[in-house]
C-alpha atoms as a PDB file:
ATOM      1  CA  UNK A   1      -0.007   0.002  -0.007  1.00  0.00           C
ATOM      2  CA  UNK A   2       1.399   3.403  -0.946  1.00  0.00           C
ATOM      3  CA  UNK A   3       1.801   6.329   1.376  1.00  0.00           C
ATOM      4  CA  UNK A   4      -0.485   9.081   0.081  1.00  0.00           C
ATOM      5  CA  UNK A   5       0.558  11.767   2.570  1.00  0.00           C
ATOM      6  CA  UNK A   6       2.954  13.419   0.149  1.00  0.00           C
ATOM      7  CA  UNK A   7       0.471  13.598  -2.758  1.00  0.00           C
ATOM      8  CA  UNK A   8      -1.799  16.339  -1.394  1.00  0.00           C
ATOM      9  CA  UNK A   9      -0.588  19.899  -1.231  1.00  0.00           C
ATOM     10  CA  UNK A  10      -1.767  22.436   1.338  1.00  0.00           C
ATOM     11  CA  UNK A  11      -3.820  24.147  -1.388  1.00  0.00           C
ATOM     12  CA  UNK A  12      -5.601  20.856  -2.156  1.00  0.00           C
ATOM     13  CA  UNK A  13      -6.438  20.334   1.503  1.00  0.00           C
ATOM     14  CA  UNK A  14      -7.797  23.899   1.783  1.00  0.00           C
ATOM     15  CA  UNK A  15      -9.842  23.432  -1.386  1.00  0.00           C
ATOM     16  CA  UNK A  16     -11.391  20.201   0.004  1.00  0.00           C
ATOM     17  CA  UNK A  17     -12.146  21.895   3.347  1.00  0.00           C
ATOM     18  CA  UNK A  18     -13.742  24.893   1.636  1.00  0.00           C
ATOM     19  CA  UNK A  19     -15.873  22.661  -0.538  1.00  0.00           C
ATOM     20  CA  UNK A  20     -16.921  20.642   2.510  1.00  0.00           C
ATOM     21  CA  UNK A  21     -17.911  23.786   4.424  1.00  0.00           C
ATOM     22  CA  UNK A  22     -19.843  25.116   1.410  1.00  0.00           C
ATOM     23  CA  UNK A  23     -21.657  21.807   0.992  1.00  0.00           C
ATOM     24  CA  UNK A  24     -22.445  21.615   4.676  1.00  0.00           C
ATOM     25  CA  UNK A  25     -23.796  25.166   4.623  1.00  0.00           C
ATOM     26  CA  UNK A  26     -25.953  24.406   1.601  1.00  0.00           C
ATOM     27  CA  UNK A  27     -27.341  21.295   3.260  1.00  0.00           C
ATOM     28  CA  UNK A  28     -28.073  23.262   6.428  1.00  0.00           C
ATOM     29  CA  UNK A  29     -29.940  25.908   4.411  1.00  0.00           C
ATOM     30  CA  UNK A  30     -31.959  23.215   2.648  1.00  0.00           C
ATOM     31  CA  UNK A  31     -32.875  21.635   5.998  1.00  0.00           C
ATOM     32  CA  UNK A  32     -33.932  24.996   7.449  1.00  0.00           C
ATOM     33  CA  UNK A  33     -36.108  25.852   4.428  1.00  0.00           C
ATOM     34  CA  UNK A  34     -37.643  22.355   4.458  1.00  0.00           C
ATOM     35  CA  UNK A  35     -38.377  22.664   8.167  1.00  0.00           C
ATOM     36  CA  UNK A  36     -40.103  26.020   7.666  1.00  0.00           C
ATOM     37  CA  UNK A  37     -42.230  24.603   4.830  1.00  0.00           C
ATOM     38  CA  UNK A  38     -43.199  21.589   6.976  1.00  0.00           C
ATOM     39  CA  UNK A  39     -44.112  23.840   9.917  1.00  0.00           C
ATOM     40  CA  UNK A  40     -46.270  26.091   7.686  1.00  0.00           C
ATOM     41  CA  UNK A  41     -47.929  23.003   6.188  1.00  0.00           C
ATOM     42  CA  UNK A  42     -48.769  21.655   9.647  1.00  0.00           C
ATOM     43  CA  UNK A  43     -50.231  25.010  10.746  1.00  0.00           C
ATOM     44  CA  UNK A  44     -52.244  25.280   7.512  1.00  0.00           C
ATOM     45  CA  UNK A  45     -53.525  21.713   7.918  1.00  0.00           C
ATOM     46  CA  UNK A  46     -54.541  22.521  11.514  1.00  0.00           C
ATOM     47  CA  UNK A  47     -56.474  25.600  10.296  1.00  0.00           C
ATOM     48  CA  UNK A  48     -58.026  23.638   7.436  1.00  0.00           C
ATOM     49  CA  UNK A  49     -59.347  21.001   9.869  1.00  0.00           C
ATOM     50  CA  UNK A  50     -60.630  23.723  12.189  1.00  0.00           C
ATOM     51  CA  UNK A  51     -62.630  25.218   9.286  1.00  0.00           C
ATOM     52  CA  UNK A  52     -64.463  21.876   9.075  1.00  0.00           C
ATOM     53  CA  UNK A  53     -65.035  21.770  12.859  1.00  0.00           C
ATOM     54  CA  UNK A  54     -62.570  18.910  13.220  1.00  0.00           C
ATOM     55  CA  UNK A  55     -59.795  18.940  15.829  1.00  0.00           C
ATOM     56  CA  UNK A  56     -56.843  20.744  14.249  1.00  0.00           C
ATOM     57  CA  UNK A  57     -54.355  19.142  16.654  1.00  0.00           C
ATOM     58  CA  UNK A  58     -55.227  15.818  15.012  1.00  0.00           C
ATOM     59  CA  UNK A  59     -52.942  16.725  12.103  1.00  0.00           C
ATOM     60  CA  UNK A  60     -50.020  15.933  14.476  1.00  0.00           C
ATOM     61  CA  UNK A  61     -51.125  12.381  15.326  1.00  0.00           C
ATOM     62  CA  UNK A  62     -50.102   9.621  12.863  1.00  0.00           C
ATOM     63  CA  UNK A  63     -52.961   7.482  11.527  1.00  0.00           C
ATOM     64  CA  UNK A  64     -55.527   9.789  13.227  1.00  0.00           C
ATOM     65  CA  UNK A  65     -54.559  12.489  10.732  1.00  0.00           C
ATOM     66  CA  UNK A  66     -55.456  10.173   7.848  1.00  0.00           C
ATOM     67  CA  UNK A  67     -58.778   9.398   9.577  1.00  0.00           C
ATOM     68  CA  UNK A  68     -59.436  13.139   9.820  1.00  0.00           C
ATOM     69  CA  UNK A  69     -58.593  13.671   6.161  1.00  0.00           C
ATOM     70  CA  UNK A  70     -61.139  11.008   5.218  1.00  0.00           C
ATOM     71  CA  UNK A  71     -63.743  12.723   7.411  1.00  0.00           C
ATOM     72  CA  UNK A  72     -62.829  16.123   5.918  1.00  0.00           C
ATOM     73  CA  UNK A  73     -63.404  14.684   2.432  1.00  0.00           C
ATOM     74  CA  UNK A  74     -66.788  13.290   3.494  1.00  0.00           C
ATOM     75  CA  UNK A  75     -65.577   9.715   3.278  1.00  0.00           C
ATOM     76  CA  UNK A  76     -66.105   7.005   5.915  1.00  0.00           C
ATOM     77  CA  UNK A  77     -63.510   6.950   8.697  1.00  0.00           C
ATOM     78  CA  UNK A  78     -63.401   3.178   8.275  1.00  0.00           C
ATOM     79  CA  UNK A  79     -61.285   3.716   5.172  1.00  0.00           C
ATOM     80  CA  UNK A  80     -58.396   4.241   7.601  1.00  0.00           C
ATOM     81  CA  UNK A  81     -58.006   0.474   7.914  1.00  0.00           C
ATOM     82  CA  UNK A  82     -56.542   0.480   4.391  1.00  0.00           C
ATOM     83  CA  UNK A  83     -53.403   1.993   5.890  1.00  0.00           C
ATOM     84  CA  UNK A  84     -52.364  -1.635   6.289  1.00  0.00           C
ATOM     85  CA  UNK A  85     -52.463  -2.109   2.480  1.00  0.00           C
ATOM     86  CA  UNK A  86     -50.503   0.808   0.969  1.00  0.00           C
ATOM     87  CA  UNK A  87     -51.459   0.348  -2.736  1.00  0.00           C
ATOM     88  CA  UNK A  88     -55.137   0.774  -1.901  1.00  0.00           C
ATOM     89  CA  UNK A  89     -54.372   3.609   0.536  1.00  0.00           C
ATOM     90  CA  UNK A  90     -52.533   5.538  -2.182  1.00  0.00           C
ATOM     91  CA  UNK A  91     -55.566   5.280  -4.483  1.00  0.00           C
ATOM     92  CA  UNK A  92     -57.893   6.367  -1.672  1.00  0.00           C
ATOM     93  CA  UNK A  93     -55.674   9.359  -0.813  1.00  0.00           C
ATOM     94  CA  UNK A  94     -55.773  10.435  -4.463  1.00  0.00           C
ATOM     95  CA  UNK A  95     -59.563  10.332  -4.363  1.00  0.00           C
ATOM     96  CA  UNK A  96     -59.566  12.200  -1.039  1.00  0.00           C
ATOM     97  CA  UNK A  97     -57.493  15.074  -2.473  1.00  0.00           C
ATOM     98  CA  UNK A  98     -60.170  15.716  -5.095  1.00  0.00           C
ATOM     99  CA  UNK A  99     -62.949  15.351  -2.495  1.00  0.00           C
ATOM    100  CA  UNK A 100     -61.262  17.874  -0.191  1.00  0.00           C
ATOM    101  CA  UNK A 101     -60.968  20.323  -3.094  1.00  0.00           C
ATOM    102  CA  UNK A 102     -64.682  19.838  -3.771  1.00  0.00           C
ATOM    103  CA  UNK A 103     -65.598  20.355  -0.096  1.00  0.00           C
ATOM    104  CA  UNK A 104     -63.822  23.723  -0.177  1.00  0.00           C
ATOM    105  CA  UNK A 105     -65.629  24.734  -3.387  1.00  0.00           C
ATOM    106  CA  UNK A 106     -62.615  24.158  -5.660  1.00  0.00           C
ATOM    107  CA  UNK A 107     -62.429  22.278  -8.935  1.00  0.00           C
ATOM    108  CA  UNK A 108     -60.417  19.443 -10.472  1.00  0.00           C
ATOM    109  CA  UNK A 109     -57.450  21.740 -11.121  1.00  0.00           C
ATOM    110  CA  UNK A 110     -57.200  22.472  -7.412  1.00  0.00           C
ATOM    111  CA  UNK A 111     -57.476  18.740  -6.687  1.00  0.00           C
ATOM    112  CA  UNK A 112     -54.517  18.154  -8.986  1.00  0.00           C
ATOM    113  CA  UNK A 113     -52.663  20.895  -7.121  1.00  0.00           C
ATOM    114  CA  UNK A 114     -53.382  19.159  -3.830  1.00  0.00           C
ATOM    115  CA  UNK A 115     -52.078  15.957  -5.321  1.00  0.00           C
ATOM    116  CA  UNK A 116     -48.848  17.223  -6.852  1.00  0.00           C
ATOM    117  CA  UNK A 117     -48.031  20.419  -4.889  1.00  0.00           C
ATOM    118  CA  UNK A 118     -49.580  19.409  -1.592  1.00  0.00           C
ATOM    119  CA  UNK A 119     -47.868  21.882   0.805  1.00  0.00           C
ATOM    120  CA  UNK A 120     -48.680  24.915  -1.340  1.00  0.00           C
ATOM    121  CA  UNK A 121     -52.330  24.009  -1.841  1.00  0.00           C
ATOM    122  CA  UNK A 122     -52.827  23.037   1.799  1.00  0.00           C
ATOM    123  CA  UNK A 123     -51.518  26.503   2.711  1.00  0.00           C
ATOM    124  CA  UNK A 124     -53.969  28.066   0.255  1.00  0.00           C
ATOM    125  CA  UNK A 125     -56.876  26.226   1.965  1.00  0.00           C
ATOM    126  CA  UNK A 126     -55.638  26.780   5.494  1.00  0.00           C
ATOM    127  CA  UNK A 127     -54.519  30.396   5.297  1.00  0.00           C
ATOM    128  CA  UNK A 128     -56.932  31.533   2.562  1.00  0.00           C
ATOM    129  CA  UNK A 129     -60.597  32.438   2.808  1.00  0.00           C
ATOM    130  CA  UNK A 130     -61.902  29.128   1.409  1.00  0.00           C
ATOM    131  CA  UNK A 131     -64.970  27.938   3.249  1.00  0.00           C
ATOM    132  CA  UNK A 132     -65.703  24.303   4.050  1.00  0.00           C
ATOM    133  CA  UNK A 133     -68.976  22.845   2.800  1.00  0.00           C
ATOM    134  CA  UNK A 134     -70.146  19.704   4.629  1.00  0.00           C
ATOM    135  CA  UNK A 135     -71.154  16.658   2.648  1.00  0.00           C
ATOM    136  CA  UNK A 136     -74.901  17.302   2.667  1.00  0.00           C
ATOM    137  CA  UNK A 137     -74.500  20.946   1.726  1.00  0.00           C
ATOM    138  CA  UNK A 138     -74.310  21.950  -1.940  1.00  0.00           C
ATOM    139  CA  UNK A 139     -71.140  23.827  -2.792  1.00  0.00           C
ATOM    140  CA  UNK A 140     -70.570  25.942  -5.859  1.00  0.00           C
ATOM    141  CA  UNK A 141     -67.363  24.925  -7.575  1.00  0.00           C
ATOM    142  CA  UNK A 142     -65.059  27.851  -8.316  1.00  0.00           C
ATOM    143  CA  UNK A 143     -62.587  27.144 -11.105  1.00  0.00           C
ATOM    144  CA  UNK A 144     -59.248  28.817 -10.678  1.00  0.00           C
END
């Protein structure tokens, strides 16, 4: 095995250290931004559930939050049992995104937004002036 100690110059070592610090700083910034987005999404989800007279704190409890999303969408809470079979759960959650959009008077485009850009569209529902319409109540769909 060769001795590699003589192959790196001081400049090389400084370049590697600088790159490491820059990478670490970038990763830290990404983690901070991601944490802020997650916190805002949780707060918006809490407010969204409150608009439907459901316990907002439930967004923090695993499995119970899925139950609450089913209730918010006007679907049976018993659908929560499908959490044990993820392929079916994924299909149900896709359906629920469109149902939630409908309950807040939004159209298919908003449902697609909930599906693909979830944090942004949850914030629109939670922090915006969208009103929740219970299952029995007719809601006028507003296309965006």
